[in-house]
Amino acid sequence: MMQSTTAPLPTGTPAQSRRLGRIPLDVSIVGVGGTAIGRLAADCGEDVAASILDAAWRRGPRYFDTSPW
């Protein structure tokens, strides 16, 4: 597992968002793809998956793509 060398991040600071198409829904301009976490290519394990999602959340994305494709 890789160790982070960056300073601690502020918790829960949302990334900049934009309107999604014509519907009244704003999503963060940066998203997180979850294919690797979803075990499509390989099993990364629950601890690693939780660490990835936690680090991503702390960096600001609020859009998490859970599609396997």
PDB file of N, CA and C in Angstrom:
ATOM      1  N   MET A   1       0.837  -1.185   0.000  1.00  0.00           N
ATOM      2  CA  MET A   1       0.000   0.000   0.000  1.00  0.00           C
ATOM      3  C   MET A   1       0.876   1.239   0.000  1.00  0.00           C
ATOM      4  N   MET A   2       0.531   2.229  -0.850  1.00  0.00           N
ATOM      5  CA  MET A   2       1.300   3.455  -0.938  1.00  0.00           C
ATOM      6  C   MET A   2       1.032   4.348   0.262  1.00  0.00           C
ATOM      7  N   GLN A   3       2.076   4.973   0.741  1.00  0.00           N
ATOM      8  CA  GLN A   3       1.942   5.932   1.822  1.00  0.00           C
ATOM      9  C   GLN A   3       1.883   7.337   1.243  1.00  0.00           C
ATOM     10  N   SER A   4       0.986   8.151   1.751  1.00  0.00           N
ATOM     11  CA  SER A   4       0.854   9.523   1.287  1.00  0.00           C
ATOM     12  C   SER A   4       1.945  10.387   1.902  1.00  0.00           C
ATOM     13  N   THR A   5       2.515  11.270   1.101  1.00  0.00           N
ATOM     14  CA  THR A   5       3.528  12.191   1.609  1.00  0.00           C
ATOM     15  C   THR A   5       3.000  13.620   1.645  1.00  0.00           C
ATOM     16  N   THR A   6       1.707  13.776   1.432  1.00  0.00           N
ATOM     17  CA  THR A   6       1.122  15.114   1.453  1.00  0.00           C
ATOM     18  C   THR A   6       0.660  15.474   2.855  1.00  0.00           C
ATOM     19  N   ALA A   7       0.452  16.751   3.054  1.00  0.00           N
ATOM     20  CA  ALA A   7      -0.051  17.236   4.338  1.00  0.00           C
ATOM     21  C   ALA A   7      -1.482  16.758   4.537  1.00  0.00           C
ATOM     22  N   PRO A   8      -1.942  16.700   5.789  1.00  0.00           N
ATOM     23  CA  PRO A   8      -3.340  16.308   6.046  1.00  0.00           C
ATOM     24  C   PRO A   8      -4.298  17.221   5.298  1.00  0.00           C
ATOM     25  N   LEU A   9      -5.375  16.643   4.838  1.00  0.00           N
ATOM     26  CA  LEU A   9      -6.361  17.384   4.060  1.00  0.00           C
ATOM     27  C   LEU A   9      -7.537  17.795   4.930  1.00  0.00           C
ATOM     28  N   PRO A  10      -8.167  18.924   4.597  1.00  0.00           N
ATOM     29  CA  PRO A  10      -9.377  19.290   5.332  1.00  0.00           C
ATOM     30  C   PRO A  10     -10.464  18.262   5.053  1.00  0.00           C
ATOM     31  N   THR A  11     -11.196  17.903   6.062  1.00  0.00           N
ATOM     32  CA  THR A  11     -12.231  16.887   5.910  1.00  0.00           C
ATOM     33  C   THR A  11     -13.529  17.507   5.428  1.00  0.00           C
ATOM     34  N   GLY A  12     -14.104  16.871   4.401  1.00  0.00           N
ATOM     35  CA  GLY A  12     -15.441  17.245   3.954  1.00  0.00           C
ATOM     36  C   GLY A  12     -15.554  18.544   3.190  1.00  0.00           C
ATOM     37  N   THR A  13     -14.487  19.011   2.555  1.00  0.00           N
ATOM     38  CA  THR A  13     -14.564  20.229   1.772  1.00  0.00           C
ATOM     39  C   THR A  13     -14.993  19.870   0.356  1.00  0.00           C
ATOM     40  N   PRO A  14     -16.226  20.184  -0.040  1.00  0.00           N
ATOM     41  CA  PRO A  14     -16.694  19.801  -1.370  1.00  0.00           C
ATOM     42  C   PRO A  14     -15.922  20.490  -2.487  1.00  0.00           C
ATOM     43  N   ALA A  15     -15.745  19.778  -3.584  1.00  0.00           N
ATOM     44  CA  ALA A  15     -15.121  20.340  -4.780  1.00  0.00           C
ATOM     45  C   ALA A  15     -16.107  21.272  -5.464  1.00  0.00           C
ATOM     46  N   GLN A  16     -15.598  22.085  -6.361  1.00  0.00           N
ATOM     47  CA  GLN A  16     -16.457  22.961  -7.151  1.00  0.00           C
ATOM     48  C   GLN A  16     -17.479  22.102  -7.902  1.00  0.00           C
ATOM     49  N   SER A  17     -18.692  22.594  -8.033  1.00  0.00           N
ATOM     50  CA  SER A  17     -19.732  21.798  -8.690  1.00  0.00           C
ATOM     51  C   SER A  17     -20.309  22.541  -9.897  1.00  0.00           C
ATOM     52  N   ARG A  18     -20.973  21.755 -10.738  1.00  0.00           N
ATOM     53  CA  ARG A  18     -21.634  22.272 -11.931  1.00  0.00           C
ATOM     54  C   ARG A  18     -22.998  21.608 -12.066  1.00  0.00           C
ATOM     55  N   ARG A  19     -23.911  22.281 -12.746  1.00  0.00           N
ATOM     56  CA  ARG A  19     -25.228  21.740 -13.038  1.00  0.00           C
ATOM     57  C   ARG A  19     -25.069  20.571 -13.998  1.00  0.00           C
ATOM     58  N   LEU A  20     -25.791  19.487 -13.770  1.00  0.00           N
ATOM     59  CA  LEU A  20     -25.736  18.309 -14.627  1.00  0.00           C
ATOM     60  C   LEU A  20     -26.849  18.400 -15.667  1.00  0.00           C
ATOM     61  N   GLY A  21     -26.474  18.750 -16.886  1.00  0.00           N
ATOM     62  CA  GLY A  21     -27.453  18.867 -17.966  1.00  0.00           C
ATOM     63  C   GLY A  21     -28.530  19.877 -17.654  1.00  0.00           C
ATOM     64  N   ARG A  22     -29.770  19.513 -17.947  1.00  0.00           N
ATOM     65  CA  ARG A  22     -30.905  20.425 -17.732  1.00  0.00           C
ATOM     66  C   ARG A  22     -31.666  20.134 -16.455  1.00  0.00           C
ATOM     67  N   ILE A  23     -31.268  19.100 -15.757  1.00  0.00           N
ATOM     68  CA  ILE A  23     -31.981  18.754 -14.528  1.00  0.00           C
ATOM     69  C   ILE A  23     -31.423  19.548 -13.349  1.00  0.00           C
ATOM     70  N   PRO A  24     -32.209  19.774 -12.332  1.00  0.00           N
ATOM     71  CA  PRO A  24     -31.747  20.564 -11.189  1.00  0.00           C
ATOM     72  C   PRO A  24     -30.861  19.738 -10.235  1.00  0.00           C
ATOM     73  N   LEU A  25     -29.684  19.353 -10.738  1.00  0.00           N
ATOM     74  CA  LEU A  25     -28.754  18.558  -9.935  1.00  0.00           C
ATOM     75  C   LEU A  25     -27.349  19.071 -10.167  1.00  0.00           C
ATOM     76  N   ASP A  26     -26.675  19.462  -9.099  1.00  0.00           N
ATOM     77  CA  ASP A  26     -25.278  19.883  -9.190  1.00  0.00           C
ATOM     78  C   ASP A  26     -24.395  18.736  -8.725  1.00  0.00           C
ATOM     79  N   VAL A  27     -23.322  18.488  -9.482  1.00  0.00           N
ATOM     80  CA  VAL A  27     -22.349  17.449  -9.112  1.00  0.00           C
ATOM     81  C   VAL A  27     -20.958  18.058  -9.124  1.00  0.00           C
ATOM     82  N   SER A  28     -20.042  17.474  -8.364  1.00  0.00           N
ATOM     83  CA  SER A  28     -18.678  17.976  -8.347  1.00  0.00           C
ATOM     84  C   SER A  28     -18.058  17.811  -9.730  1.00  0.00           C
ATOM     85  N   ILE A  29     -17.184  18.750 -10.103  1.00  0.00           N
ATOM     86  CA  ILE A  29     -16.583  18.710 -11.437  1.00  0.00           C
ATOM     87  C   ILE A  29     -15.550  17.587 -11.544  1.00  0.00           C
ATOM     88  N   VAL A  30     -15.148  17.036 -10.431  1.00  0.00           N
ATOM     89  CA  VAL A  30     -14.235  15.889 -10.408  1.00  0.00           C
ATOM     90  C   VAL A  30     -14.972  14.727  -9.769  1.00  0.00           C
ATOM     91  N   GLY A  31     -14.884  13.569 -10.382  1.00  0.00           N
ATOM     92  CA  GLY A  31     -15.546  12.385  -9.843  1.00  0.00           C
ATOM     93  C   GLY A  31     -14.542  11.281  -9.563  1.00  0.00           C
ATOM     94  N   VAL A  32     -15.021  10.240  -8.931  1.00  0.00           N
ATOM     95  CA  VAL A  32     -14.194   9.080  -8.604  1.00  0.00           C
ATOM     96  C   VAL A  32     -14.803   7.860  -9.268  1.00  0.00           C
ATOM     97  N   GLY A  33     -14.005   7.172 -10.094  1.00  0.00           N
ATOM     98  CA  GLY A  33     -14.456   5.936 -10.725  1.00  0.00           C
ATOM     99  C   GLY A  33     -14.188   4.758  -9.803  1.00  0.00           C
ATOM    100  N   GLY A  34     -15.178   3.900  -9.643  1.00  0.00           N
ATOM    101  CA  GLY A  34     -15.040   2.816  -8.686  1.00  0.00           C
ATOM    102  C   GLY A  34     -14.861   1.436  -9.267  1.00  0.00           C
ATOM    103  N   THR A  35     -14.515   1.320 -10.550  1.00  0.00           N
ATOM    104  CA  THR A  35     -14.390   0.002 -11.160  1.00  0.00           C
ATOM    105  C   THR A  35     -13.382  -0.866 -10.431  1.00  0.00           C
ATOM    106  N   ALA A  36     -12.210  -0.331 -10.135  1.00  0.00           N
ATOM    107  CA  ALA A  36     -11.180  -1.127  -9.446  1.00  0.00           C
ATOM    108  C   ALA A  36     -11.627  -1.522  -8.034  1.00  0.00           C
ATOM    109  N   ILE A  37     -12.340  -0.641  -7.384  1.00  0.00           N
ATOM    110  CA  ILE A  37     -12.824  -0.937  -6.036  1.00  0.00           C
ATOM    111  C   ILE A  37     -13.903  -2.009  -6.093  1.00  0.00           C
ATOM    112  N   GLY A  38     -14.664  -2.013  -7.183  1.00  0.00           N
ATOM    113  CA  GLY A  38     -15.746  -2.969  -7.347  1.00  0.00           C
ATOM    114  C   GLY A  38     -15.298  -4.355  -7.767  1.00  0.00           C
ATOM    115  N   ARG A  39     -14.011  -4.604  -7.760  1.00  0.00           N
ATOM    116  CA  ARG A  39     -13.441  -5.927  -8.019  1.00  0.00           C
ATOM    117  C   ARG A  39     -13.615  -6.409  -9.451  1.00  0.00           C
ATOM    118  N   LEU A  40     -13.782  -5.484 -10.404  1.00  0.00           N
ATOM    119  CA  LEU A  40     -13.900  -5.903 -11.797  1.00  0.00           C
ATOM    120  C   LEU A  40     -12.567  -6.454 -12.301  1.00  0.00           C
ATOM    121  N   ALA A  41     -11.475  -5.752 -12.027  1.00  0.00           N
ATOM    122  CA  ALA A  41     -10.162  -6.197 -12.501  1.00  0.00           C
ATOM    123  C   ALA A  41      -9.452  -7.077 -11.478  1.00  0.00           C
ATOM    124  N   ALA A  42      -9.515  -6.699 -10.220  1.00  0.00           N
ATOM    125  CA  ALA A  42      -8.828  -7.441  -9.154  1.00  0.00           C
ATOM    126  C   ALA A  42      -9.430  -7.042  -7.816  1.00  0.00           C
ATOM    127  N   ASP A  43      -9.254  -7.878  -6.837  1.00  0.00           N
ATOM    128  CA  ASP A  43      -9.762  -7.612  -5.495  1.00  0.00           C
ATOM    129  C   ASP A  43      -8.738  -6.775  -4.728  1.00  0.00           C
ATOM    130  N   CYS A  44      -9.093  -5.527  -4.422  1.00  0.00           N
ATOM    131  CA  CYS A  44      -8.154  -4.674  -3.689  1.00  0.00           C
ATOM    132  C   CYS A  44      -8.337  -4.810  -2.183  1.00  0.00           C
ATOM    133  N   GLY A  45      -9.393  -5.445  -1.733  1.00  0.00           N
ATOM    134  CA  GLY A  45      -9.638  -5.617  -0.302  1.00  0.00           C
ATOM    135  C   GLY A  45     -10.435  -4.463   0.278  1.00  0.00           C
ATOM    136  N   GLU A  46     -11.206  -4.756   1.319  1.00  0.00           N
ATOM    137  CA  GLU A  46     -12.079  -3.738   1.919  1.00  0.00           C
ATOM    138  C   GLU A  46     -11.307  -2.595   2.554  1.00  0.00           C
ATOM    139  N   ASP A  47     -10.185  -2.885   3.217  1.00  0.00           N
ATOM    140  CA  ASP A  47      -9.408  -1.826   3.866  1.00  0.00           C
ATOM    141  C   ASP A  47      -8.858  -0.830   2.849  1.00  0.00           C
ATOM    142  N   VAL A  48      -8.331  -1.335   1.742  1.00  0.00           N
ATOM    143  CA  VAL A  48      -7.795  -0.460   0.698  1.00  0.00           C
ATOM    144  C   VAL A  48      -8.928   0.333   0.055  1.00  0.00           C
ATOM    145  N   ALA A  49     -10.042  -0.326  -0.226  1.00  0.00           N
ATOM    146  CA  ALA A  49     -11.187   0.358  -0.827  1.00  0.00           C
ATOM    147  C   ALA A  49     -11.676   1.485   0.081  1.00  0.00           C
ATOM    148  N   ALA A  50     -11.793   1.214   1.359  1.00  0.00           N
ATOM    149  CA  ALA A  50     -12.237   2.239   2.312  1.00  0.00           C
ATOM    150  C   ALA A  50     -11.250   3.402   2.363  1.00  0.00           C
ATOM    151  N   SER A  51      -9.966   3.107   2.310  1.00  0.00           N
ATOM    152  CA  SER A  51      -8.940   4.161   2.316  1.00  0.00           C
ATOM    153  C   SER A  51      -9.038   5.036   1.070  1.00  0.00           C
ATOM    154  N   ILE A  52      -9.266   4.407  -0.086  1.00  0.00           N
ATOM    155  CA  ILE A  52      -9.395   5.152  -1.339  1.00  0.00           C
ATOM    156  C   ILE A  52     -10.596   6.082  -1.274  1.00  0.00           C
ATOM    157  N   LEU A  53     -11.734   5.562  -0.843  1.00  0.00           N
ATOM    158  CA  LEU A  53     -12.948   6.376  -0.785  1.00  0.00           C
ATOM    159  C   LEU A  53     -12.817   7.497   0.236  1.00  0.00           C
ATOM    160  N   ASP A  54     -12.200   7.217   1.377  1.00  0.00           N
ATOM    161  CA  ASP A  54     -12.013   8.235   2.399  1.00  0.00           C
ATOM    162  C   ASP A  54     -11.089   9.344   1.904  1.00  0.00           C
ATOM    163  N   ALA A  55      -9.992   8.968   1.274  1.00  0.00           N
ATOM    164  CA  ALA A  55      -9.059   9.977   0.746  1.00  0.00           C
ATOM    165  C   ALA A  55      -9.721  10.816  -0.331  1.00  0.00           C
ATOM    166  N   ALA A  56     -10.491  10.175  -1.205  1.00  0.00           N
ATOM    167  CA  ALA A  56     -11.181  10.915  -2.255  1.00  0.00           C
ATOM    168  C   ALA A  56     -12.177  11.903  -1.651  1.00  0.00           C
ATOM    169  N   TRP A  57     -12.966  11.457  -0.682  1.00  0.00           N
ATOM    170  CA  TRP A  57     -13.966  12.335  -0.048  1.00  0.00           C
ATOM    171  C   TRP A  57     -13.289  13.549   0.577  1.00  0.00           C
ATOM    172  N   ARG A  58     -12.155  13.319   1.257  1.00  0.00           N
ATOM    173  CA  ARG A  58     -11.448  14.431   1.897  1.00  0.00           C
ATOM    174  C   ARG A  58     -10.885  15.418   0.882  1.00  0.00           C
ATOM    175  N   ARG A  59     -10.643  14.971  -0.352  1.00  0.00           N
ATOM    176  CA  ARG A  59     -10.104  15.865  -1.378  1.00  0.00           C
ATOM    177  C   ARG A  59     -11.194  16.634  -2.114  1.00  0.00           C
ATOM    178  N   GLY A  60     -12.456  16.291  -1.925  1.00  0.00           N
ATOM    179  CA  GLY A  60     -13.532  17.119  -2.452  1.00  0.00           C
ATOM    180  C   GLY A  60     -14.548  16.511  -3.384  1.00  0.00           C
ATOM    181  N   PRO A  61     -14.238  15.459  -4.167  1.00  0.00           N
ATOM    182  CA  PRO A  61     -15.280  14.935  -5.059  1.00  0.00           C
ATOM    183  C   PRO A  61     -16.503  14.461  -4.290  1.00  0.00           C
ATOM    184  N   ARG A  62     -17.659  14.719  -4.879  1.00  0.00           N
ATOM    185  CA  ARG A  62     -18.905  14.221  -4.295  1.00  0.00           C
ATOM    186  C   ARG A  62     -19.654  13.364  -5.303  1.00  0.00           C
ATOM    187  N   TYR A  63     -19.023  13.123  -6.457  1.00  0.00           N
ATOM    188  CA  TYR A  63     -19.602  12.237  -7.475  1.00  0.00           C
ATOM    189  C   TYR A  63     -18.774  10.961  -7.509  1.00  0.00           C
ATOM    190  N   PHE A  64     -19.389   9.847  -7.153  1.00  0.00           N
ATOM    191  CA  PHE A  64     -18.732   8.546  -7.142  1.00  0.00           C
ATOM    192  C   PHE A  64     -19.443   7.647  -8.130  1.00  0.00           C
ATOM    193  N   ASP A  65     -18.737   7.286  -9.202  1.00  0.00           N
ATOM    194  CA  ASP A  65     -19.299   6.442 -10.257  1.00  0.00           C
ATOM    195  C   ASP A  65     -19.142   4.987  -9.846  1.00  0.00           C
ATOM    196  N   THR A  66     -20.244   4.298  -9.710  1.00  0.00           N
ATOM    197  CA  THR A  66     -20.206   2.908  -9.259  1.00  0.00           C
ATOM    198  C   THR A  66     -20.479   1.907 -10.369  1.00  0.00           C
ATOM    199  N   SER A  67     -20.585   2.387 -11.615  1.00  0.00           N
ATOM    200  CA  SER A  67     -20.831   1.499 -12.735  1.00  0.00           C
ATOM    201  C   SER A  67     -19.621   0.620 -13.005  1.00  0.00           C
ATOM    202  N   PRO A  68     -19.820  -0.650 -13.290  1.00  0.00           N
ATOM    203  CA  PRO A  68     -18.675  -1.517 -13.592  1.00  0.00           C
ATOM    204  C   PRO A  68     -18.180  -1.378 -15.025  1.00  0.00           C
ATOM    205  N   TRP A  69     -18.767  -0.545 -15.851  1.00  0.00           N
ATOM    206  CA  TRP A  69     -18.377  -0.437 -17.253  1.00  0.00           C
ATOM    207  C   TRP A  69     -17.773   0.867 -17.587  1.00  0.00           C
TER     208      TRP A  69
END
